[in-house]
Amino acid sequence: MGVHEIHEKARKGSALSCPFVYFVDLVLLPGADADGCFRGNESPVLRVRTPAGTAEVLRAHLARHNRRVLALTAATLVAALAAWALLYFVSCWLMVLGFAVFDSPRTRLPHGYGLLFTVTALCAIGYAWIDQRLTPNARPRDKKSFLEIAMEFALAVPNMTLAVGGTLAAWQSLSDEDLREAAELLHRLGEEKRVPMSSVRLQIPDPEAAVRILFALQMTEVIDAYRDGNEFWLRLNALRPAGLRMAREDHIAP
């Protein structure tokens, strides 16, 4: 089917049949509804997308994802700093209150209290880091001891501080070659609907690149991985961005 024939079918509002290698995208213009169906007298703009074009769309999608990661990281960092400042203020207030209650001759905070608080905070962060490494996939339980509940409250701010690095770890960066291979994989998923994960190595020979690409696509909600029997399968995420909708049913409805 040629481009002019596809354009004519789109103008008439009929169903599209995508070519085997290429995918057709609709750019909504005034007169097109939310489903991508054009009801006006003017036809929508069509473009035939190759894997190279999909790679550029994927590059822009990763850039938007990374901007969100930076924003969340900054917000988490500000929240953690605010929580530490609040803890410092509360500890100072409690200490001064204790001086007044017990008629202590001290009227000011001890010298070096700020250093003591900083060392204590660093030790708490270190303990929280070790706890996360020892129990990386701890499942929530219905019943917990009083000590476990107390430790969760005590380590709330240290865990919030460690979340800054965890949030920043969601940053995804793919090279031009990685983007090309990722785009080819997306086109294959668009054609075959699902692909066994074991066959990805045939398309992406480099194991490190395969892991990097699959992790980036799953992290940015472009693909899903699920288990069916003894095999893990890949499929396109139903909530992926509109620019990466490649399945036939994602275009014009009859």
C-alpha atoms as a PDB file:
ATOM      1  CA  MET A   1       0.000   0.000   0.000  1.00  0.00           C
ATOM      2  CA  GLY A   2       1.485   3.344  -1.019  1.00  0.00           C
ATOM      3  CA  VAL A   3       1.529   6.563   0.969  1.00  0.00           C
ATOM      4  CA  HIS A   4      -1.113   8.185  -1.262  1.00  0.00           C
ATOM      5  CA  GLU A   5      -3.459   5.222  -0.777  1.00  0.00           C
ATOM      6  CA  ILE A   6      -2.984   5.377   3.005  1.00  0.00           C
ATOM      7  CA  HIS A   7      -3.650   9.112   2.890  1.00  0.00           C
ATOM      8  CA  GLU A   8      -6.843   8.550   0.911  1.00  0.00           C
ATOM      9  CA  LYS A   9      -8.113   5.915   3.343  1.00  0.00           C
ATOM     10  CA  ALA A  10      -7.371   8.204   6.267  1.00  0.00           C
ATOM     11  CA  ARG A  11      -9.318  10.997   4.587  1.00  0.00           C
ATOM     12  CA  LYS A  12     -12.335   8.739   4.231  1.00  0.00           C
ATOM     13  CA  GLY A  13     -12.089   7.573   7.859  1.00  0.00           C
ATOM     14  CA  SER A  14     -11.534   3.902   7.009  1.00  0.00           C
ATOM     15  CA  ALA A  15      -9.259   1.474   8.838  1.00  0.00           C
ATOM     16  CA  LEU A  16      -5.546   1.540   8.139  1.00  0.00           C
ATOM     17  CA  SER A  17      -3.410  -1.429   7.318  1.00  0.00           C
ATOM     18  CA  CYS A  18       0.196  -0.702   8.312  1.00  0.00           C
ATOM     19  CA  PRO A  19       3.013  -1.856   6.042  1.00  0.00           C
ATOM     20  CA  PHE A  20       5.212  -4.654   7.314  1.00  0.00           C
ATOM     21  CA  VAL A  21       8.293  -2.542   8.028  1.00  0.00           C
ATOM     22  CA  TYR A  22       6.824   0.944   8.456  1.00  0.00           C
ATOM     23  CA  PHE A  23       4.317   2.420  10.865  1.00  0.00           C
ATOM     24  CA  VAL A  24       1.937   5.270  10.209  1.00  0.00           C
ATOM     25  CA  ASP A  25       1.403   8.076  12.717  1.00  0.00           C
ATOM     26  CA  LEU A  26      -1.441  10.573  12.795  1.00  0.00           C
ATOM     27  CA  VAL A  27      -0.759  14.186  13.708  1.00  0.00           C
ATOM     28  CA  LEU A  28      -4.078  15.547  14.998  1.00  0.00           C
ATOM     29  CA  LEU A  29      -5.216  18.746  13.332  1.00  0.00           C
ATOM     30  CA  PRO A  30      -8.339  20.824  14.020  1.00  0.00           C
ATOM     31  CA  GLY A  31     -11.265  18.586  13.099  1.00  0.00           C
ATOM     32  CA  ALA A  32      -9.812  15.321  14.423  1.00  0.00           C
ATOM     33  CA  ASP A  33     -11.334  13.805  17.531  1.00  0.00           C
ATOM     34  CA  ALA A  34      -9.566  12.294  20.551  1.00  0.00           C
ATOM     35  CA  ASP A  35      -9.592   8.823  19.001  1.00  0.00           C
ATOM     36  CA  GLY A  36      -7.571  10.007  16.050  1.00  0.00           C
ATOM     37  CA  CYS A  37     -10.520   9.812  13.644  1.00  0.00           C
ATOM     38  CA  PHE A  38     -10.824  12.740  11.288  1.00  0.00           C
ATOM     39  CA  ARG A  39     -14.393  13.921  10.799  1.00  0.00           C
ATOM     40  CA  GLY A  40     -13.835  17.178   8.918  1.00  0.00           C
ATOM     41  CA  ASN A  41     -13.339  17.961   5.272  1.00  0.00           C
ATOM     42  CA  GLU A  42      -9.545  18.145   5.560  1.00  0.00           C
ATOM     43  CA  SER A  43      -7.416  15.043   5.835  1.00  0.00           C
ATOM     44  CA  PRO A  44      -4.927  14.604   8.696  1.00  0.00           C
ATOM     45  CA  VAL A  45      -1.194  14.770   8.101  1.00  0.00           C
ATOM     46  CA  LEU A  46       0.380  11.340   7.737  1.00  0.00           C
ATOM     47  CA  ARG A  47       3.990  10.351   7.993  1.00  0.00           C
ATOM     48  CA  VAL A  48       5.556   6.951   7.446  1.00  0.00           C
ATOM     49  CA  ARG A  49       7.891   6.181  10.326  1.00  0.00           C
ATOM     50  CA  THR A  50      11.041   4.114   9.971  1.00  0.00           C
ATOM     51  CA  PRO A  51      13.068   2.718  12.880  1.00  0.00           C
ATOM     52  CA  ALA A  52      15.328   5.768  12.591  1.00  0.00           C
ATOM     53  CA  GLY A  53      12.329   8.046  13.099  1.00  0.00           C
ATOM     54  CA  THR A  54      11.129   5.962  16.033  1.00  0.00           C
ATOM     55  CA  ALA A  55      14.605   6.279  17.568  1.00  0.00           C
ATOM     56  CA  GLU A  56      14.253  10.068  17.520  1.00  0.00           C
ATOM     57  CA  VAL A  57      10.826   9.859  19.159  1.00  0.00           C
ATOM     58  CA  LEU A  58      12.286   7.539  21.776  1.00  0.00           C
ATOM     59  CA  ARG A  59      15.158   9.969  22.361  1.00  0.00           C
ATOM     60  CA  ALA A  60      12.661  12.760  23.074  1.00  0.00           C
ATOM     61  CA  HIS A  61      10.676  10.442  25.358  1.00  0.00           C
ATOM     62  CA  LEU A  62      13.802   9.610  27.381  1.00  0.00           C
ATOM     63  CA  ALA A  63      14.626  13.315  27.612  1.00  0.00           C
ATOM     64  CA  ARG A  64      11.178  14.029  29.097  1.00  0.00           C
ATOM     65  CA  HIS A  65      11.616  11.128  31.503  1.00  0.00           C
ATOM     66  CA  ASN A  66      15.000  12.441  32.638  1.00  0.00           C
ATOM     67  CA  ARG A  67      13.568  15.907  33.220  1.00  0.00           C
ATOM     68  CA  ARG A  68      10.930  14.374  35.483  1.00  0.00           C
ATOM     69  CA  VAL A  69      13.657  12.418  37.285  1.00  0.00           C
ATOM     70  CA  LEU A  70      15.612  15.615  37.919  1.00  0.00           C
ATOM     71  CA  ALA A  71      12.509  17.395  39.200  1.00  0.00           C
ATOM     72  CA  LEU A  72      11.624  14.527  41.560  1.00  0.00           C
ATOM     73  CA  THR A  73      15.224  14.291  42.749  1.00  0.00           C
ATOM     74  CA  ALA A  74      15.308  18.004  43.521  1.00  0.00           C
ATOM     75  CA  ALA A  75      11.962  17.797  45.355  1.00  0.00           C
ATOM     76  CA  THR A  76      13.142  14.785  47.383  1.00  0.00           C
ATOM     77  CA  LEU A  77      16.388  16.557  48.276  1.00  0.00           C
ATOM     78  CA  VAL A  78      14.531  19.681  49.427  1.00  0.00           C
ATOM     79  CA  ALA A  79      12.130  17.545  51.490  1.00  0.00           C
ATOM     80  CA  ALA A  80      15.022  15.648  53.104  1.00  0.00           C
ATOM     81  CA  LEU A  81      16.891  18.852  53.966  1.00  0.00           C
ATOM     82  CA  ALA A  82      13.713  20.350  55.405  1.00  0.00           C
ATOM     83  CA  ALA A  83      13.148  17.219  57.504  1.00  0.00           C
ATOM     84  CA  TRP A  84      16.708  17.347  58.879  1.00  0.00           C
ATOM     85  CA  ALA A  85      16.308  21.058  59.669  1.00  0.00           C
ATOM     86  CA  LEU A  86      13.056  20.307  61.486  1.00  0.00           C
ATOM     87  CA  LEU A  87      14.740  17.530  63.491  1.00  0.00           C
ATOM     88  CA  TYR A  88      17.565  19.877  64.435  1.00  0.00           C
ATOM     89  CA  PHE A  89      15.115  22.576  65.560  1.00  0.00           C
ATOM     90  CA  VAL A  90      13.054  20.083  67.591  1.00  0.00           C
ATOM     91  CA  SER A  91      16.157  18.605  69.250  1.00  0.00           C
ATOM     92  CA  CYS A  92      17.403  22.088  70.178  1.00  0.00           C
ATOM     93  CA  TRP A  93      13.991  23.015  71.574  1.00  0.00           C
ATOM     94  CA  LEU A  94      13.784  19.806  73.628  1.00  0.00           C
ATOM     95  CA  MET A  95      17.263  20.371  75.011  1.00  0.00           C
ATOM     96  CA  VAL A  96      16.489  23.948  76.068  1.00  0.00           C
ATOM     97  CA  LEU A  97      13.180  22.769  77.539  1.00  0.00           C
ATOM     98  CA  GLY A  98      15.045  20.108  79.520  1.00  0.00           C
ATOM     99  CA  PHE A  99      17.426  22.720  80.884  1.00  0.00           C
ATOM    100  CA  ALA A 100      14.449  24.737  82.130  1.00  0.00           C
ATOM    101  CA  VAL A 101      12.585  21.758  83.623  1.00  0.00           C
ATOM    102  CA  PHE A 102      15.568  20.385  85.543  1.00  0.00           C
ATOM    103  CA  ASP A 103      16.867  23.831  86.630  1.00  0.00           C
ATOM    104  CA  SER A 104      20.133  23.361  84.794  1.00  0.00           C
ATOM    105  CA  PRO A 105      22.613  26.243  84.996  1.00  0.00           C
ATOM    106  CA  ARG A 106      23.020  26.017  81.235  1.00  0.00           C
ATOM    107  CA  THR A 107      21.054  28.523  79.216  1.00  0.00           C
ATOM    108  CA  ARG A 108      22.577  27.862  75.830  1.00  0.00           C
ATOM    109  CA  LEU A 109      23.236  24.856  73.661  1.00  0.00           C
ATOM    110  CA  PRO A 110      26.569  23.136  74.272  1.00  0.00           C
ATOM    111  CA  HIS A 111      29.406  24.068  71.952  1.00  0.00           C
ATOM    112  CA  GLY A 112      29.773  21.553  69.180  1.00  0.00           C
ATOM    113  CA  TYR A 113      26.139  20.448  69.317  1.00  0.00           C
ATOM    114  CA  GLY A 114      25.794  21.088  65.571  1.00  0.00           C
ATOM    115  CA  LEU A 115      28.770  18.790  64.930  1.00  0.00           C
ATOM    116  CA  LEU A 116      27.299  16.139  67.213  1.00  0.00           C
ATOM    117  CA  PHE A 117      23.971  16.336  65.374  1.00  0.00           C
ATOM    118  CA  THR A 118      25.732  16.028  61.996  1.00  0.00           C
ATOM    119  CA  VAL A 119      27.710  12.949  63.091  1.00  0.00           C
ATOM    120  CA  THR A 120      24.552  11.359  64.494  1.00  0.00           C
ATOM    121  CA  ALA A 121      22.704  12.037  61.230  1.00  0.00           C
ATOM    122  CA  LEU A 122      25.515  10.491  59.179  1.00  0.00           C
ATOM    123  CA  CYS A 123      25.528   7.411  61.405  1.00  0.00           C
ATOM    124  CA  ALA A 124      21.751   7.091  61.008  1.00  0.00           C
ATOM    125  CA  ILE A 125      22.057   7.365  57.215  1.00  0.00           C
ATOM    126  CA  GLY A 126      24.811   4.732  57.239  1.00  0.00           C
ATOM    127  CA  TYR A 127      22.689   2.385  59.333  1.00  0.00           C
ATOM    128  CA  ALA A 128      19.707   2.890  57.010  1.00  0.00           C
ATOM    129  CA  TRP A 129      21.936   2.155  53.990  1.00  0.00           C
ATOM    130  CA  ILE A 130      23.173  -1.094  55.575  1.00  0.00           C
ATOM    131  CA  ASP A 131      19.605  -2.058  56.486  1.00  0.00           C
ATOM    132  CA  GLN A 132      18.483  -1.541  52.883  1.00  0.00           C
ATOM    133  CA  ARG A 133      21.362  -3.657  51.585  1.00  0.00           C
ATOM    134  CA  LEU A 134      20.615  -6.499  53.993  1.00  0.00           C
ATOM    135  CA  THR A 135      16.873  -6.465  53.199  1.00  0.00           C
ATOM    136  CA  PRO A 136      16.594  -5.135  49.619  1.00  0.00           C
ATOM    137  CA  ASN A 137      13.231  -6.774  48.863  1.00  0.00           C
ATOM    138  CA  ALA A 138      11.634  -6.853  52.287  1.00  0.00           C
ATOM    139  CA  ARG A 139       7.910  -7.451  51.995  1.00  0.00           C
ATOM    140  CA  PRO A 140       5.497  -5.477  54.187  1.00  0.00           C
ATOM    141  CA  ARG A 141       4.028  -7.509  56.997  1.00  0.00           C
ATOM    142  CA  ASP A 142       0.703  -7.211  58.779  1.00  0.00           C
ATOM    143  CA  LYS A 143       2.224  -7.601  62.246  1.00  0.00           C
ATOM    144  CA  LYS A 144       5.425  -5.936  63.441  1.00  0.00           C
ATOM    145  CA  SER A 145       7.077  -5.725  66.814  1.00  0.00           C
ATOM    146  CA  PHE A 146       7.243  -2.454  68.726  1.00  0.00           C
ATOM    147  CA  LEU A 147      10.994  -2.245  68.064  1.00  0.00           C
ATOM    148  CA  GLU A 148      10.484  -2.601  64.305  1.00  0.00           C
ATOM    149  CA  ILE A 149       7.852   0.145  64.298  1.00  0.00           C
ATOM    150  CA  ALA A 150      10.094   2.422  66.361  1.00  0.00           C
ATOM    151  CA  MET A 151      13.023   1.828  63.990  1.00  0.00           C
ATOM    152  CA  GLU A 152      10.855   2.697  60.989  1.00  0.00           C
ATOM    153  CA  PHE A 153      10.011   6.055  62.556  1.00  0.00           C
ATOM    154  CA  ALA A 154      13.619   6.645  63.615  1.00  0.00           C
ATOM    155  CA  LEU A 155      14.933   5.879  60.116  1.00  0.00           C
ATOM    156  CA  ALA A 156      12.211   7.753  58.213  1.00  0.00           C
ATOM    157  CA  VAL A 157      14.368  10.806  57.525  1.00  0.00           C
ATOM    158  CA  PRO A 158      17.557   8.805  56.754  1.00  0.00           C
ATOM    159  CA  ASN A 159      15.569   6.658  54.312  1.00  0.00           C
ATOM    160  CA  MET A 160      14.173   9.834  52.745  1.00  0.00           C
ATOM    161  CA  THR A 161      17.751  11.036  52.307  1.00  0.00           C
ATOM    162  CA  LEU A 162      18.771   7.784  50.634  1.00  0.00           C
ATOM    163  CA  ALA A 163      15.738   8.096  48.351  1.00  0.00           C
ATOM    164  CA  VAL A 164      17.481  11.033  46.663  1.00  0.00           C
ATOM    165  CA  GLY A 165      20.055   8.668  45.156  1.00  0.00           C
ATOM    166  CA  GLY A 166      17.404   6.074  44.390  1.00  0.00           C
ATOM    167  CA  THR A 167      15.327   8.597  42.483  1.00  0.00           C
ATOM    168  CA  LEU A 168      18.337   9.846  40.533  1.00  0.00           C
ATOM    169  CA  ALA A 169      19.154   6.223  39.617  1.00  0.00           C
ATOM    170  CA  ALA A 170      16.044   6.257  37.410  1.00  0.00           C
ATOM    171  CA  TRP A 171      17.972   8.472  34.959  1.00  0.00           C
ATOM    172  CA  GLN A 172      18.192   6.680  31.614  1.00  0.00           C
ATOM    173  CA  SER A 173      20.808   7.315  28.940  1.00  0.00           C
ATOM    174  CA  LEU A 174      21.046   5.367  25.686  1.00  0.00           C
ATOM    175  CA  SER A 175      23.605   5.821  22.931  1.00  0.00           C
ATOM    176  CA  ASP A 176      22.652   6.299  19.291  1.00  0.00           C
ATOM    177  CA  GLU A 177      23.261   2.594  18.653  1.00  0.00           C
ATOM    178  CA  ASP A 178      21.150   1.654  21.680  1.00  0.00           C
ATOM    179  CA  LEU A 179      18.319   3.876  20.454  1.00  0.00           C
ATOM    180  CA  ARG A 180      18.463   2.297  16.994  1.00  0.00           C
ATOM    181  CA  GLU A 181      18.305  -1.234  18.420  1.00  0.00           C
ATOM    182  CA  ALA A 182      15.528  -0.209  20.821  1.00  0.00           C
ATOM    183  CA  ALA A 183      13.518   1.243  17.924  1.00  0.00           C
ATOM    184  CA  GLU A 184      13.934  -1.961  15.909  1.00  0.00           C
ATOM    185  CA  LEU A 185      12.730  -3.945  18.913  1.00  0.00           C
ATOM    186  CA  LEU A 186       9.666  -1.705  19.238  1.00  0.00           C
ATOM    187  CA  HIS A 187       8.853  -2.185  15.560  1.00  0.00           C
ATOM    188  CA  ARG A 188       9.159  -5.924  16.010  1.00  0.00           C
ATOM    189  CA  LEU A 189       6.819  -5.794  18.993  1.00  0.00           C
ATOM    190  CA  GLY A 190       4.377  -3.733  16.948  1.00  0.00           C
ATOM    191  CA  GLU A 191       4.335  -6.406  14.252  1.00  0.00           C
ATOM    192  CA  GLU A 192       4.417  -9.565  16.396  1.00  0.00           C
ATOM    193  CA  LYS A 193       2.451  -8.215  19.431  1.00  0.00           C
ATOM    194  CA  ARG A 194       4.748 -10.082  21.832  1.00  0.00           C
ATOM    195  CA  VAL A 195       8.334 -11.322  21.713  1.00  0.00           C
ATOM    196  CA  PRO A 196      10.014 -13.946  23.925  1.00  0.00           C
ATOM    197  CA  MET A 197      12.721 -12.369  26.038  1.00  0.00           C
ATOM    198  CA  SER A 198      15.097 -15.184  25.141  1.00  0.00           C
ATOM    199  CA  SER A 199      15.032 -14.073  21.497  1.00  0.00           C
ATOM    200  CA  VAL A 200      16.113 -10.512  22.263  1.00  0.00           C
ATOM    201  CA  ARG A 201      19.751 -11.624  22.311  1.00  0.00           C
ATOM    202  CA  LEU A 202      19.418 -12.607  18.661  1.00  0.00           C
ATOM    203  CA  GLN A 203      18.438  -9.039  17.811  1.00  0.00           C
ATOM    204  CA  ILE A 204      20.739  -7.313  20.345  1.00  0.00           C
ATOM    205  CA  PRO A 205      23.913  -9.455  20.544  1.00  0.00           C
ATOM    206  CA  ASP A 206      25.628  -7.364  23.230  1.00  0.00           C
ATOM    207  CA  PRO A 207      24.250  -8.629  26.588  1.00  0.00           C
ATOM    208  CA  GLU A 208      25.019  -5.374  28.426  1.00  0.00           C
ATOM    209  CA  ALA A 209      23.277  -3.343  25.740  1.00  0.00           C
ATOM    210  CA  ALA A 210      20.283  -5.696  25.841  1.00  0.00           C
ATOM    211  CA  VAL A 211      19.930  -5.278  29.612  1.00  0.00           C
ATOM    212  CA  ARG A 212      20.383  -1.521  29.329  1.00  0.00           C
ATOM    213  CA  ILE A 213      17.777  -1.181  26.576  1.00  0.00           C
ATOM    214  CA  LEU A 214      15.187  -3.441  28.202  1.00  0.00           C
ATOM    215  CA  PHE A 215      15.590  -1.708  31.552  1.00  0.00           C
ATOM    216  CA  ALA A 216      15.226   1.749  29.975  1.00  0.00           C
ATOM    217  CA  LEU A 217      12.122   0.741  27.998  1.00  0.00           C
ATOM    218  CA  GLN A 218      10.483  -0.800  31.062  1.00  0.00           C
ATOM    219  CA  MET A 219      11.472   2.100  33.341  1.00  0.00           C
ATOM    220  CA  THR A 220       9.900   4.601  30.940  1.00  0.00           C
ATOM    221  CA  GLU A 221       6.747   2.459  30.529  1.00  0.00           C
ATOM    222  CA  VAL A 222       7.224   1.717  26.847  1.00  0.00           C
ATOM    223  CA  ILE A 223       7.208  -2.091  27.173  1.00  0.00           C
ATOM    224  CA  ASP A 224       6.031  -4.662  29.711  1.00  0.00           C
ATOM    225  CA  ALA A 225       7.556  -7.998  30.698  1.00  0.00           C
ATOM    226  CA  TYR A 226       5.349 -10.829  31.883  1.00  0.00           C
ATOM    227  CA  ARG A 227       5.606 -14.573  32.387  1.00  0.00           C
ATOM    228  CA  ASP A 228       3.596 -17.089  30.417  1.00  0.00           C
ATOM    229  CA  GLY A 229       4.434 -20.674  31.290  1.00  0.00           C
ATOM    230  CA  ASN A 230       8.181 -21.140  31.382  1.00  0.00           C
ATOM    231  CA  GLU A 231       8.946 -18.141  29.177  1.00  0.00           C
ATOM    232  CA  PHE A 232       9.153 -14.418  29.848  1.00  0.00           C
ATOM    233  CA  TRP A 233       7.574 -12.297  27.133  1.00  0.00           C
ATOM    234  CA  LEU A 234       7.815  -8.659  26.093  1.00  0.00           C
ATOM    235  CA  ARG A 235       4.919  -6.567  24.821  1.00  0.00           C
ATOM    236  CA  LEU A 236       4.168  -2.900  24.229  1.00  0.00           C
ATOM    237  CA  ASN A 237       2.818  -1.080  27.269  1.00  0.00           C
ATOM    238  CA  ALA A 238      -0.774   0.012  26.779  1.00  0.00           C
ATOM    239  CA  LEU A 239       0.010   3.314  28.566  1.00  0.00           C
ATOM    240  CA  ARG A 240       3.051   4.202  26.466  1.00  0.00           C
ATOM    241  CA  PRO A 241       3.217   7.725  24.979  1.00  0.00           C
ATOM    242  CA  ALA A 242       1.093   8.454  21.948  1.00  0.00           C
ATOM    243  CA  GLY A 243       4.205   9.063  19.847  1.00  0.00           C
ATOM    244  CA  LEU A 244       5.260   5.446  20.386  1.00  0.00           C
ATOM    245  CA  ARG A 245       1.917   3.812  19.604  1.00  0.00           C
ATOM    246  CA  MET A 246       2.758   1.469  16.777  1.00  0.00           C
ATOM    247  CA  ALA A 247       0.143  -1.256  16.918  1.00  0.00           C
ATOM    248  CA  ARG A 248      -2.402  -1.264  14.132  1.00  0.00           C
ATOM    249  CA  GLU A 249      -5.327  -0.619  16.451  1.00  0.00           C
ATOM    250  CA  ASP A 250      -3.628   2.496  17.808  1.00  0.00           C
ATOM    251  CA  HIS A 251      -4.304   4.440  14.628  1.00  0.00           C
ATOM    252  CA  ILE A 252      -7.615   5.149  12.951  1.00  0.00           C
ATOM    253  CA  ALA A 253     -10.729   3.305  13.999  1.00  0.00           C
ATOM    254  CA  PRO A 254     -13.180   2.146  11.315  1.00  0.00           C
END
